[in-house]
Amino acid sequence: MNIQYRKEGDYYIPDLEIPESWKQPLGKYGGMRRAFLEKEHPGLYARMILNGTIWDHLTEIDRAAQNRLDIVLPEIAKDAGATEQLKEKDQMKWVGLMNACKNQVEEIILKELIYRV
């Protein structure tokens, strides 16, 4: 690896740049994955940081989790009976059903994507 240095007073400081992909904000599921790796698998987390693969991994997990939520939630809501007719008729019941459905989908996402090694 060829690293360039710049002189600051009496010190040489490496000219390192943050990759553009690391400047993107991290979503809810990417943050949860990072916290899991940092706490439960610190060796793997440190290795991914040193390899420069951590941010790509976290953004991929976040994207996959959000896609899974977007695809599975409408199917589970439909099976639970959370329809537009119910929304017009009894909003509180519809909100309760939708919250339960979202919790079910998030449990699937946590098990399959966030808390796996």
PDB file of N, CA and C in Angstrom:
ATOM      1  N   MET A   1       0.850  -1.171   0.000  1.00  0.00           N
ATOM      2  CA  MET A   1       0.000   0.000   0.000  1.00  0.00           C
ATOM      3  C   MET A   1       0.899   1.239   0.000  1.00  0.00           C
ATOM      4  N   ASN A   2       0.660   2.124  -0.891  1.00  0.00           N
ATOM      5  CA  ASN A   2       1.449   3.344  -1.013  1.00  0.00           C
ATOM      6  C   ASN A   2       0.701   4.489  -0.344  1.00  0.00           C
ATOM      7  N   ILE A   3       1.230   4.975   0.773  1.00  0.00           N
ATOM      8  CA  ILE A   3       0.578   6.044   1.524  1.00  0.00           C
ATOM      9  C   ILE A   3       1.374   7.326   1.361  1.00  0.00           C
ATOM     10  N   GLN A   4       0.663   8.395   1.033  1.00  0.00           N
ATOM     11  CA  GLN A   4       1.281   9.709   0.909  1.00  0.00           C
ATOM     12  C   GLN A   4       1.191  10.424   2.265  1.00  0.00           C
ATOM     13  N   TYR A   5       2.206  11.234   2.570  1.00  0.00           N
ATOM     14  CA  TYR A   5       2.238  11.978   3.831  1.00  0.00           C
ATOM     15  C   TYR A   5       2.365  13.464   3.545  1.00  0.00           C
ATOM     16  N   ARG A   6       1.854  14.264   4.460  1.00  0.00           N
ATOM     17  CA  ARG A   6       2.033  15.711   4.381  1.00  0.00           C
ATOM     18  C   ARG A   6       2.690  16.164   5.687  1.00  0.00           C
ATOM     19  N   LYS A   7       3.469  17.216   5.598  1.00  0.00           N
ATOM     20  CA  LYS A   7       4.184  17.694   6.775  1.00  0.00           C
ATOM     21  C   LYS A   7       3.360  18.771   7.470  1.00  0.00           C
ATOM     22  N   GLU A   8       3.115  18.569   8.753  1.00  0.00           N
ATOM     23  CA  GLU A   8       2.409  19.523   9.598  1.00  0.00           C
ATOM     24  C   GLU A   8       3.365  19.912  10.721  1.00  0.00           C
ATOM     25  N   GLY A   9       4.017  21.027  10.598  1.00  0.00           N
ATOM     26  CA  GLY A   9       5.010  21.420  11.602  1.00  0.00           C
ATOM     27  C   GLY A   9       6.184  20.462  11.545  1.00  0.00           C
ATOM     28  N   ASP A  10       6.440  19.787  12.645  1.00  0.00           N
ATOM     29  CA  ASP A  10       7.534  18.818  12.709  1.00  0.00           C
ATOM     30  C   ASP A  10       7.064  17.382  12.476  1.00  0.00           C
ATOM     31  N   TYR A  11       5.784  17.198  12.144  1.00  0.00           N
ATOM     32  CA  TYR A  11       5.227  15.849  12.038  1.00  0.00           C
ATOM     33  C   TYR A  11       4.789  15.552  10.612  1.00  0.00           C
ATOM     34  N   TYR A  12       4.875  14.286  10.243  1.00  0.00           N
ATOM     35  CA  TYR A  12       4.336  13.815   8.973  1.00  0.00           C
ATOM     36  C   TYR A  12       3.032  13.084   9.265  1.00  0.00           C
ATOM     37  N   ILE A  13       1.986  13.525   8.611  1.00  0.00           N
ATOM     38  CA  ILE A  13       0.654  12.964   8.829  1.00  0.00           C
ATOM     39  C   ILE A  13       0.211  12.297   7.526  1.00  0.00           C
ATOM     40  N   PRO A  14      -0.317  11.060   7.605  1.00  0.00           N
ATOM     41  CA  PRO A  14      -0.751  10.379   6.377  1.00  0.00           C
ATOM     42  C   PRO A  14      -1.960  11.071   5.759  1.00  0.00           C
ATOM     43  N   ASP A  15      -1.956  11.159   4.440  1.00  0.00           N
ATOM     44  CA  ASP A  15      -3.096  11.702   3.699  1.00  0.00           C
ATOM     45  C   ASP A  15      -4.075  10.563   3.439  1.00  0.00           C
ATOM     46  N   LEU A  16      -4.984  10.384   4.349  1.00  0.00           N
ATOM     47  CA  LEU A  16      -5.991   9.337   4.217  1.00  0.00           C
ATOM     48  C   LEU A  16      -7.335   9.978   3.920  1.00  0.00           C
ATOM     49  N   GLU A  17      -8.085   9.345   3.055  1.00  0.00           N
ATOM     50  CA  GLU A  17      -9.412   9.842   2.705  1.00  0.00           C
ATOM     51  C   GLU A  17     -10.458   8.804   3.071  1.00  0.00           C
ATOM     52  N   ILE A  18     -11.589   9.280   3.483  1.00  0.00           N
ATOM     53  CA  ILE A  18     -12.718   8.399   3.764  1.00  0.00           C
ATOM     54  C   ILE A  18     -13.376   8.065   2.434  1.00  0.00           C
ATOM     55  N   PRO A  19     -13.592   6.771   2.161  1.00  0.00           N
ATOM     56  CA  PRO A  19     -14.266   6.404   0.905  1.00  0.00           C
ATOM     57  C   PRO A  19     -15.663   7.022   0.828  1.00  0.00           C
ATOM     58  N   GLU A  20     -16.107   7.308  -0.378  1.00  0.00           N
ATOM     59  CA  GLU A  20     -17.425   7.928  -0.580  1.00  0.00           C
ATOM     60  C   GLU A  20     -18.546   7.068  -0.005  1.00  0.00           C
ATOM     61  N   SER A  21     -18.407   5.749  -0.106  1.00  0.00           N
ATOM     62  CA  SER A  21     -19.467   4.867   0.394  1.00  0.00           C
ATOM     63  C   SER A  21     -19.634   4.989   1.909  1.00  0.00           C
ATOM     64  N   TRP A  22     -18.584   5.406   2.625  1.00  0.00           N
ATOM     65  CA  TRP A  22     -18.672   5.544   4.074  1.00  0.00           C
ATOM     66  C   TRP A  22     -19.363   6.827   4.488  1.00  0.00           C
ATOM     67  N   LYS A  23     -19.596   7.720   3.556  1.00  0.00           N
ATOM     68  CA  LYS A  23     -20.219   9.002   3.888  1.00  0.00           C
ATOM     69  C   LYS A  23     -21.742   8.923   3.859  1.00  0.00           C
ATOM     70  N   GLN A  24     -22.279   7.787   3.403  1.00  0.00           N
ATOM     71  CA  GLN A  24     -23.725   7.605   3.360  1.00  0.00           C
ATOM     72  C   GLN A  24     -24.237   7.348   4.776  1.00  0.00           C
ATOM     73  N   PRO A  25     -25.426   7.850   5.096  1.00  0.00           N
ATOM     74  CA  PRO A  25     -25.957   7.580   6.439  1.00  0.00           C
ATOM     75  C   PRO A  25     -26.328   6.107   6.589  1.00  0.00           C
ATOM     76  N   LEU A  26     -26.194   5.610   7.777  1.00  0.00           N
ATOM     77  CA  LEU A  26     -26.498   4.223   8.077  1.00  0.00           C
ATOM     78  C   LEU A  26     -27.897   4.160   8.674  1.00  0.00           C
ATOM     79  N   GLY A  27     -28.699   3.226   8.196  1.00  0.00           N
ATOM     80  CA  GLY A  27     -30.071   3.101   8.654  1.00  0.00           C
ATOM     81  C   GLY A  27     -30.197   2.314   9.950  1.00  0.00           C
ATOM     82  N   LYS A  28     -31.432   2.089  10.348  1.00  0.00           N
ATOM     83  CA  LYS A  28     -31.751   1.417  11.612  1.00  0.00           C
ATOM     84  C   LYS A  28     -31.129   0.022  11.684  1.00  0.00           C
ATOM     85  N   TYR A  29     -31.320  -0.774  10.651  1.00  0.00           N
ATOM     86  CA  TYR A  29     -30.865  -2.157  10.692  1.00  0.00           C
ATOM     87  C   TYR A  29     -29.350  -2.263  10.563  1.00  0.00           C
ATOM     88  N   GLY A  30     -28.734  -1.379   9.806  1.00  0.00           N
ATOM     89  CA  GLY A  30     -27.280  -1.344   9.728  1.00  0.00           C
ATOM     90  C   GLY A  30     -26.665  -0.990  11.074  1.00  0.00           C
ATOM     91  N   GLY A  31     -27.287  -0.054  11.778  1.00  0.00           N
ATOM     92  CA  GLY A  31     -26.817   0.313  13.109  1.00  0.00           C
ATOM     93  C   GLY A  31     -26.972  -0.821  14.107  1.00  0.00           C
ATOM     94  N   MET A  32     -28.073  -1.561  13.986  1.00  0.00           N
ATOM     95  CA  MET A  32     -28.279  -2.699  14.879  1.00  0.00           C
ATOM     96  C   MET A  32     -27.238  -3.787  14.608  1.00  0.00           C
ATOM     97  N   ARG A  33     -26.922  -4.005  13.334  1.00  0.00           N
ATOM     98  CA  ARG A  33     -25.917  -5.006  12.981  1.00  0.00           C
ATOM     99  C   ARG A  33     -24.538  -4.586  13.514  1.00  0.00           C
ATOM    100  N   ARG A  34     -24.214  -3.304  13.370  1.00  0.00           N
ATOM    101  CA  ARG A  34     -22.929  -2.809  13.867  1.00  0.00           C
ATOM    102  C   ARG A  34     -22.827  -3.005  15.384  1.00  0.00           C
ATOM    103  N   ALA A  35     -23.885  -2.674  16.110  1.00  0.00           N
ATOM    104  CA  ALA A  35     -23.879  -2.837  17.563  1.00  0.00           C
ATOM    105  C   ALA A  35     -23.725  -4.313  17.945  1.00  0.00           C
ATOM    106  N   PHE A  36     -24.386  -5.191  17.205  1.00  0.00           N
ATOM    107  CA  PHE A  36     -24.274  -6.629  17.469  1.00  0.00           C
ATOM    108  C   PHE A  36     -22.848  -7.112  17.244  1.00  0.00           C
ATOM    109  N   LEU A  37     -22.261  -6.751  16.113  1.00  0.00           N
ATOM    110  CA  LEU A  37     -20.893  -7.188  15.827  1.00  0.00           C
ATOM    111  C   LEU A  37     -19.906  -6.616  16.840  1.00  0.00           C
ATOM    112  N   GLU A  38     -20.079  -5.349  17.178  1.00  0.00           N
ATOM    113  CA  GLU A  38     -19.165  -4.685  18.104  1.00  0.00           C
ATOM    114  C   GLU A  38     -19.215  -5.339  19.490  1.00  0.00           C
ATOM    115  N   LYS A  39     -20.407  -5.724  19.936  1.00  0.00           N
ATOM    116  CA  LYS A  39     -20.552  -6.279  21.276  1.00  0.00           C
ATOM    117  C   LYS A  39     -20.288  -7.781  21.326  1.00  0.00           C
ATOM    118  N   GLU A  40     -20.846  -8.529  20.382  1.00  0.00           N
ATOM    119  CA  GLU A  40     -20.804  -9.990  20.449  1.00  0.00           C
ATOM    120  C   GLU A  40     -19.630 -10.614  19.703  1.00  0.00           C
ATOM    121  N   HIS A  41     -19.127  -9.943  18.684  1.00  0.00           N
ATOM    122  CA  HIS A  41     -18.026 -10.479  17.873  1.00  0.00           C
ATOM    123  C   HIS A  41     -16.993  -9.386  17.611  1.00  0.00           C
ATOM    124  N   PRO A  42     -16.317  -8.923  18.661  1.00  0.00           N
ATOM    125  CA  PRO A  42     -15.389  -7.797  18.494  1.00  0.00           C
ATOM    126  C   PRO A  42     -14.212  -8.116  17.570  1.00  0.00           C
ATOM    127  N   GLY A  43     -13.780  -9.364  17.526  1.00  0.00           N
ATOM    128  CA  GLY A  43     -12.678  -9.725  16.634  1.00  0.00           C
ATOM    129  C   GLY A  43     -13.065  -9.583  15.178  1.00  0.00           C
ATOM    130  N   LEU A  44     -14.238 -10.097  14.832  1.00  0.00           N
ATOM    131  CA  LEU A  44     -14.740  -9.975  13.463  1.00  0.00           C
ATOM    132  C   LEU A  44     -14.973  -8.511  13.112  1.00  0.00           C
ATOM    133  N   TYR A  45     -15.530  -7.768  14.048  1.00  0.00           N
ATOM    134  CA  TYR A  45     -15.786  -6.339  13.829  1.00  0.00           C
ATOM    135  C   TYR A  45     -14.485  -5.592  13.552  1.00  0.00           C
ATOM    136  N   ALA A  46     -13.453  -5.844  14.373  1.00  0.00           N
ATOM    137  CA  ALA A  46     -12.161  -5.180  14.190  1.00  0.00           C
ATOM    138  C   ALA A  46     -11.521  -5.582  12.857  1.00  0.00           C
ATOM    139  N   ARG A  47     -11.631  -6.857  12.508  1.00  0.00           N
ATOM    140  CA  ARG A  47     -11.070  -7.328  11.242  1.00  0.00           C
ATOM    141  C   ARG A  47     -11.753  -6.651  10.051  1.00  0.00           C
ATOM    142  N   MET A  48     -13.065  -6.498  10.121  1.00  0.00           N
ATOM    143  CA  MET A  48     -13.793  -5.851   9.027  1.00  0.00           C
ATOM    144  C   MET A  48     -13.422  -4.370   8.928  1.00  0.00           C
ATOM    145  N   ILE A  49     -13.195  -3.734  10.058  1.00  0.00           N
ATOM    146  CA  ILE A  49     -12.767  -2.332  10.036  1.00  0.00           C
ATOM    147  C   ILE A  49     -11.391  -2.226   9.387  1.00  0.00           C
ATOM    148  N   LEU A  50     -10.475  -3.093   9.806  1.00  0.00           N
ATOM    149  CA  LEU A  50      -9.122  -3.042   9.266  1.00  0.00           C
ATOM    150  C   LEU A  50      -9.082  -3.377   7.777  1.00  0.00           C
ATOM    151  N   ASN A  51      -9.948  -4.286   7.337  1.00  0.00           N
ATOM    152  CA  ASN A  51     -10.010  -4.640   5.909  1.00  0.00           C
ATOM    153  C   ASN A  51     -10.720  -3.578   5.087  1.00  0.00           C
ATOM    154  N   GLY A  52     -11.467  -2.704   5.757  1.00  0.00           N
ATOM    155  CA  GLY A  52     -12.231  -1.683   5.045  1.00  0.00           C
ATOM    156  C   GLY A  52     -13.535  -2.199   4.458  1.00  0.00           C
ATOM    157  N   THR A  53     -14.041  -3.318   4.992  1.00  0.00           N
ATOM    158  CA  THR A  53     -15.270  -3.914   4.459  1.00  0.00           C
ATOM    159  C   THR A  53     -16.482  -3.674   5.341  1.00  0.00           C
ATOM    160  N   ILE A  54     -16.304  -3.057   6.498  1.00  0.00           N
ATOM    161  CA  ILE A  54     -17.398  -2.943   7.458  1.00  0.00           C
ATOM    162  C   ILE A  54     -18.552  -2.108   6.917  1.00  0.00           C
ATOM    163  N   TRP A  55     -18.249  -0.978   6.306  1.00  0.00           N
ATOM    164  CA  TRP A  55     -19.326  -0.082   5.883  1.00  0.00           C
ATOM    165  C   TRP A  55     -20.143  -0.692   4.752  1.00  0.00           C
ATOM    166  N   ASP A  56     -19.472  -1.340   3.818  1.00  0.00           N
ATOM    167  CA  ASP A  56     -20.205  -2.003   2.736  1.00  0.00           C
ATOM    168  C   ASP A  56     -21.095  -3.108   3.292  1.00  0.00           C
ATOM    169  N   HIS A  57     -20.582  -3.843   4.261  1.00  0.00           N
ATOM    170  CA  HIS A  57     -21.357  -4.907   4.889  1.00  0.00           C
ATOM    171  C   HIS A  57     -22.590  -4.341   5.598  1.00  0.00           C
ATOM    172  N   LEU A  58     -22.400  -3.278   6.359  1.00  0.00           N
ATOM    173  CA  LEU A  58     -23.509  -2.697   7.117  1.00  0.00           C
ATOM    174  C   LEU A  58     -24.570  -2.100   6.206  1.00  0.00           C
ATOM    175  N   THR A  59     -24.152  -1.425   5.148  1.00  0.00           N
ATOM    176  CA  THR A  59     -25.140  -0.853   4.228  1.00  0.00           C
ATOM    177  C   THR A  59     -25.875  -1.947   3.461  1.00  0.00           C
ATOM    178  N   GLU A  60     -25.197  -3.046   3.154  1.00  0.00           N
ATOM    179  CA  GLU A  60     -25.863  -4.168   2.478  1.00  0.00           C
ATOM    180  C   GLU A  60     -26.891  -4.824   3.397  1.00  0.00           C
ATOM    181  N   ILE A  61     -26.544  -5.014   4.663  1.00  0.00           N
ATOM    182  CA  ILE A  61     -27.496  -5.577   5.626  1.00  0.00           C
ATOM    183  C   ILE A  61     -28.697  -4.648   5.771  1.00  0.00           C
ATOM    184  N   ASP A  62     -28.452  -3.346   5.870  1.00  0.00           N
ATOM    185  CA  ASP A  62     -29.528  -2.376   6.010  1.00  0.00           C
ATOM    186  C   ASP A  62     -30.457  -2.406   4.788  1.00  0.00           C
ATOM    187  N   ARG A  63     -29.865  -2.459   3.610  1.00  0.00           N
ATOM    188  CA  ARG A  63     -30.651  -2.485   2.370  1.00  0.00           C
ATOM    189  C   ARG A  63     -31.472  -3.780   2.280  1.00  0.00           C
ATOM    190  N   ALA A  64     -30.849  -4.906   2.596  1.00  0.00           N
ATOM    191  CA  ALA A  64     -31.550  -6.190   2.531  1.00  0.00           C
ATOM    192  C   ALA A  64     -32.696  -6.242   3.540  1.00  0.00           C
ATOM    193  N   ALA A  65     -32.457  -5.742   4.741  1.00  0.00           N
ATOM    194  CA  ALA A  65     -33.505  -5.745   5.766  1.00  0.00           C
ATOM    195  C   ALA A  65     -34.674  -4.856   5.364  1.00  0.00           C
ATOM    196  N   GLN A  66     -34.381  -3.694   4.820  1.00  0.00           N
ATOM    197  CA  GLN A  66     -35.456  -2.790   4.394  1.00  0.00           C
ATOM    198  C   GLN A  66     -36.247  -3.390   3.235  1.00  0.00           C
ATOM    199  N   ASN A  67     -35.561  -4.038   2.303  1.00  0.00           N
ATOM    200  CA  ASN A  67     -36.259  -4.705   1.196  1.00  0.00           C
ATOM    201  C   ASN A  67     -37.151  -5.821   1.707  1.00  0.00           C
ATOM    202  N   ARG A  68     -36.641  -6.601   2.657  1.00  0.00           N
ATOM    203  CA  ARG A  68     -37.440  -7.689   3.222  1.00  0.00           C
ATOM    204  C   ARG A  68     -38.673  -7.132   3.912  1.00  0.00           C
ATOM    205  N   LEU A  69     -38.517  -6.045   4.654  1.00  0.00           N
ATOM    206  CA  LEU A  69     -39.654  -5.417   5.328  1.00  0.00           C
ATOM    207  C   LEU A  69     -40.684  -4.937   4.308  1.00  0.00           C
ATOM    208  N   ASP A  70     -40.219  -4.304   3.243  1.00  0.00           N
ATOM    209  CA  ASP A  70     -41.127  -3.780   2.222  1.00  0.00           C
ATOM    210  C   ASP A  70     -41.884  -4.882   1.483  1.00  0.00           C
ATOM    211  N   ILE A  71     -41.284  -6.049   1.349  1.00  0.00           N
ATOM    212  CA  ILE A  71     -41.923  -7.142   0.614  1.00  0.00           C
ATOM    213  C   ILE A  71     -42.843  -7.961   1.515  1.00  0.00           C
ATOM    214  N   VAL A  72     -42.363  -8.303   2.707  1.00  0.00           N
ATOM    215  CA  VAL A  72     -43.093  -9.237   3.565  1.00  0.00           C
ATOM    216  C   VAL A  72     -44.229  -8.574   4.333  1.00  0.00           C
ATOM    217  N   LEU A  73     -44.070  -7.320   4.739  1.00  0.00           N
ATOM    218  CA  LEU A  73     -45.100  -6.655   5.545  1.00  0.00           C
ATOM    219  C   LEU A  73     -46.469  -6.616   4.867  1.00  0.00           C
ATOM    220  N   PRO A  74     -46.573  -6.230   3.595  1.00  0.00           N
ATOM    221  CA  PRO A  74     -47.908  -6.234   2.976  1.00  0.00           C
ATOM    222  C   PRO A  74     -48.550  -7.627   2.918  1.00  0.00           C
ATOM    223  N   GLU A  75     -47.733  -8.661   2.726  1.00  0.00           N
ATOM    224  CA  GLU A  75     -48.272 -10.020   2.672  1.00  0.00           C
ATOM    225  C   GLU A  75     -48.825 -10.443   4.036  1.00  0.00           C
ATOM    226  N   ILE A  76     -48.049 -10.182   5.091  1.00  0.00           N
ATOM    227  CA  ILE A  76     -48.504 -10.558   6.434  1.00  0.00           C
ATOM    228  C   ILE A  76     -49.715  -9.719   6.845  1.00  0.00           C
ATOM    229  N   ALA A  77     -49.713  -8.442   6.485  1.00  0.00           N
ATOM    230  CA  ALA A  77     -50.853  -7.578   6.821  1.00  0.00           C
ATOM    231  C   ALA A  77     -52.117  -8.062   6.115  1.00  0.00           C
ATOM    232  N   LYS A  78     -51.976  -8.479   4.876  1.00  0.00           N
ATOM    233  CA  LYS A  78     -53.128  -8.986   4.133  1.00  0.00           C
ATOM    234  C   LYS A  78     -53.670 -10.263   4.779  1.00  0.00           C
ATOM    235  N   ASP A  79     -52.765 -11.162   5.173  1.00  0.00           N
ATOM    236  CA  ASP A  79     -53.189 -12.402   5.827  1.00  0.00           C
ATOM    237  C   ASP A  79     -53.836 -12.139   7.178  1.00  0.00           C
ATOM    238  N   ALA A  80     -53.402 -11.082   7.871  1.00  0.00           N
ATOM    239  CA  ALA A  80     -53.963 -10.751   9.184  1.00  0.00           C
ATOM    240  C   ALA A  80     -55.298 -10.031   9.076  1.00  0.00           C
ATOM    241  N   GLY A  81     -55.636  -9.560   7.883  1.00  0.00           N
ATOM    242  CA  GLY A  81     -56.906  -8.865   7.693  1.00  0.00           C
ATOM    243  C   GLY A  81     -56.823  -7.367   7.856  1.00  0.00           C
ATOM    244  N   ALA A  82     -55.626  -6.814   7.773  1.00  0.00           N
ATOM    245  CA  ALA A  82     -55.451  -5.361   7.880  1.00  0.00           C
ATOM    246  C   ALA A  82     -55.670  -4.746   6.500  1.00  0.00           C
ATOM    247  N   THR A  83     -56.926  -4.591   6.130  1.00  0.00           N
ATOM    248  CA  THR A  83     -57.286  -4.093   4.809  1.00  0.00           C
ATOM    249  C   THR A  83     -57.645  -2.609   4.872  1.00  0.00           C
ATOM    250  N   GLU A  84     -57.810  -2.024   3.717  1.00  0.00           N
ATOM    251  CA  GLU A  84     -58.224  -0.621   3.646  1.00  0.00           C
ATOM    252  C   GLU A  84     -59.650  -0.451   4.179  1.00  0.00           C
ATOM    253  N   GLN A  85     -60.482  -1.448   3.992  1.00  0.00           N
ATOM    254  CA  GLN A  85     -61.850  -1.386   4.527  1.00  0.00           C
ATOM    255  C   GLN A  85     -61.815  -1.338   6.056  1.00  0.00           C
ATOM    256  N   LEU A  86     -60.942  -2.148   6.660  1.00  0.00           N
ATOM    257  CA  LEU A  86     -60.815  -2.126   8.116  1.00  0.00           C
ATOM    258  C   LEU A  86     -60.254  -0.790   8.583  1.00  0.00           C
ATOM    259  N   LYS A  87     -59.353  -0.241   7.815  1.00  0.00           N
ATOM    260  CA  LYS A  87     -58.761   1.057   8.160  1.00  0.00           C
ATOM    261  C   LYS A  87     -59.830   2.143   8.198  1.00  0.00           C
ATOM    262  N   GLU A  88     -60.756   2.108   7.246  1.00  0.00           N
ATOM    263  CA  GLU A  88     -61.836   3.102   7.218  1.00  0.00           C
ATOM    264  C   GLU A  88     -62.855   2.857   8.325  1.00  0.00           C
ATOM    265  N   LYS A  89     -63.085   1.578   8.625  1.00  0.00           N
ATOM    266  CA  LYS A  89     -64.121   1.216   9.581  1.00  0.00           C
ATOM    267  C   LYS A  89     -63.654   1.344  11.036  1.00  0.00           C
ATOM    268  N   ASP A  90     -62.460   0.806  11.339  1.00  0.00           N
ATOM    269  CA  ASP A  90     -61.961   0.780  12.719  1.00  0.00           C
ATOM    270  C   ASP A  90     -60.454   1.041  12.697  1.00  0.00           C
ATOM    271  N   GLN A  91     -60.087   2.307  12.781  1.00  0.00           N
ATOM    272  CA  GLN A  91     -58.684   2.686  12.641  1.00  0.00           C
ATOM    273  C   GLN A  91     -57.802   2.115  13.757  1.00  0.00           C
ATOM    274  N   MET A  92     -58.298   2.089  14.965  1.00  0.00           N
ATOM    275  CA  MET A  92     -57.495   1.596  16.082  1.00  0.00           C
ATOM    276  C   MET A  92     -57.175   0.111  15.928  1.00  0.00           C
ATOM    277  N   LYS A  93     -58.129  -0.656  15.487  1.00  0.00           N
ATOM    278  CA  LYS A  93     -57.893  -2.075  15.260  1.00  0.00           C
ATOM    279  C   LYS A  93     -56.884  -2.262  14.129  1.00  0.00           C
ATOM    280  N   TRP A  94     -57.011  -1.462  13.077  1.00  0.00           N
ATOM    281  CA  TRP A  94     -56.084  -1.544  11.941  1.00  0.00           C
ATOM    282  C   TRP A  94     -54.658  -1.206  12.393  1.00  0.00           C
ATOM    283  N   VAL A  95     -54.513  -0.160  13.194  1.00  0.00           N
ATOM    284  CA  VAL A  95     -53.186   0.228  13.687  1.00  0.00           C
ATOM    285  C   VAL A  95     -52.598  -0.887  14.542  1.00  0.00           C
ATOM    286  N   GLY A  96     -53.398  -1.483  15.393  1.00  0.00           N
ATOM    287  CA  GLY A  96     -52.928  -2.593  16.223  1.00  0.00           C
ATOM    288  C   GLY A  96     -52.470  -3.774  15.389  1.00  0.00           C
ATOM    289  N   LEU A  97     -53.251  -4.111  14.372  1.00  0.00           N
ATOM    290  CA  LEU A  97     -52.867  -5.209  13.483  1.00  0.00           C
ATOM    291  C   LEU A  97     -51.577  -4.901  12.733  1.00  0.00           C
ATOM    292  N   MET A  98     -51.459  -3.686  12.232  1.00  0.00           N
ATOM    293  CA  MET A  98     -50.265  -3.301  11.478  1.00  0.00           C
ATOM    294  C   MET A  98     -49.026  -3.317  12.382  1.00  0.00           C
ATOM    295  N   ASN A  99     -49.164  -2.852  13.616  1.00  0.00           N
ATOM    296  CA  ASN A  99     -48.035  -2.897  14.550  1.00  0.00           C
ATOM    297  C   ASN A  99     -47.620  -4.339  14.841  1.00  0.00           C
ATOM    298  N   ALA A 100     -48.607  -5.217  15.021  1.00  0.00           N
ATOM    299  CA  ALA A 100     -48.302  -6.625  15.268  1.00  0.00           C
ATOM    300  C   ALA A 100     -47.606  -7.248  14.057  1.00  0.00           C
ATOM    301  N   CYS A 101     -48.080  -6.907  12.880  1.00  0.00           N
ATOM    302  CA  CYS A 101     -47.474  -7.440  11.651  1.00  0.00           C
ATOM    303  C   CYS A 101     -46.042  -6.939  11.487  1.00  0.00           C
ATOM    304  N   LYS A 102     -45.825  -5.661  11.753  1.00  0.00           N
ATOM    305  CA  LYS A 102     -44.473  -5.112  11.633  1.00  0.00           C
ATOM    306  C   LYS A 102     -43.535  -5.770  12.640  1.00  0.00           C
ATOM    307  N   ASN A 103     -44.019  -6.010  13.848  1.00  0.00           N
ATOM    308  CA  ASN A 103     -43.205  -6.687  14.852  1.00  0.00           C
ATOM    309  C   ASN A 103     -42.835  -8.101  14.416  1.00  0.00           C
ATOM    310  N   GLN A 104     -43.773  -8.801  13.770  1.00  0.00           N
ATOM    311  CA  GLN A 104     -43.483 -10.140  13.268  1.00  0.00           C
ATOM    312  C   GLN A 104     -42.387 -10.101  12.202  1.00  0.00           C
ATOM    313  N   VAL A 105     -42.504  -9.166  11.279  1.00  0.00           N
ATOM    314  CA  VAL A 105     -41.513  -9.053  10.210  1.00  0.00           C
ATOM    315  C   VAL A 105     -40.157  -8.658  10.787  1.00  0.00           C
ATOM    316  N   GLU A 106     -40.137  -7.766  11.746  1.00  0.00           N
ATOM    317  CA  GLU A 106     -38.865  -7.360  12.349  1.00  0.00           C
ATOM    318  C   GLU A 106     -38.211  -8.505  13.104  1.00  0.00           C
ATOM    319  N   GLU A 107     -38.993  -9.379  13.724  1.00  0.00           N
ATOM    320  CA  GLU A 107     -38.422 -10.560  14.369  1.00  0.00           C
ATOM    321  C   GLU A 107     -37.733 -11.458  13.341  1.00  0.00           C
ATOM    322  N   ILE A 108     -38.349 -11.614  12.189  1.00  0.00           N
ATOM    323  CA  ILE A 108     -37.746 -12.405  11.112  1.00  0.00           C
ATOM    324  C   ILE A 108     -36.438 -11.761  10.657  1.00  0.00           C
ATOM    325  N   ILE A 109     -36.463 -10.459  10.460  1.00  0.00           N
ATOM    326  CA  ILE A 109     -35.271  -9.730  10.006  1.00  0.00           C
ATOM    327  C   ILE A 109     -34.151  -9.847  11.039  1.00  0.00           C
ATOM    328  N   LEU A 110     -34.479  -9.688  12.310  1.00  0.00           N
ATOM    329  CA  LEU A 110     -33.462  -9.785  13.352  1.00  0.00           C
ATOM    330  C   LEU A 110     -32.818 -11.167  13.365  1.00  0.00           C
ATOM    331  N   LYS A 111     -33.638 -12.192  13.251  1.00  0.00           N
ATOM    332  CA  LYS A 111     -33.115 -13.557  13.291  1.00  0.00           C
ATOM    333  C   LYS A 111     -32.290 -13.884  12.055  1.00  0.00           C
ATOM    334  N   GLU A 112     -32.759 -13.509  10.883  1.00  0.00           N
ATOM    335  CA  GLU A 112     -32.113 -13.919   9.634  1.00  0.00           C
ATOM    336  C   GLU A 112     -30.955 -13.016   9.206  1.00  0.00           C
ATOM    337  N   LEU A 113     -31.000 -11.740   9.557  1.00  0.00           N
ATOM    338  CA  LEU A 113     -29.981 -10.814   9.039  1.00  0.00           C
ATOM    339  C   LEU A 113     -29.105 -10.176  10.112  1.00  0.00           C
ATOM    340  N   ILE A 114     -29.713  -9.718  11.172  1.00  0.00           N
ATOM    341  CA  ILE A 114     -28.972  -8.911  12.143  1.00  0.00           C
ATOM    342  C   ILE A 114     -28.148  -9.777  13.089  1.00  0.00           C
ATOM    343  N   TYR A 115     -28.759 -10.792  13.692  1.00  0.00           N
ATOM    344  CA  TYR A 115     -28.092 -11.566  14.737  1.00  0.00           C
ATOM    345  C   TYR A 115     -27.523 -12.886  14.242  1.00  0.00           C
ATOM    346  N   ARG A 116     -27.026 -12.935  13.053  1.00  0.00           N
ATOM    347  CA  ARG A 116     -26.353 -14.131  12.548  1.00  0.00           C
ATOM    348  C   ARG A 116     -24.878 -13.799  12.323  1.00  0.00           C
ATOM    349  N   VAL A 117     -24.071 -14.844  12.324  1.00  0.00           N
ATOM    350  CA  VAL A 117     -22.623 -14.620  12.112  1.00  0.00           C
ATOM    351  C   VAL A 117     -22.227 -15.079  10.734  1.00  0.00           C
TER     352      VAL A 117
END
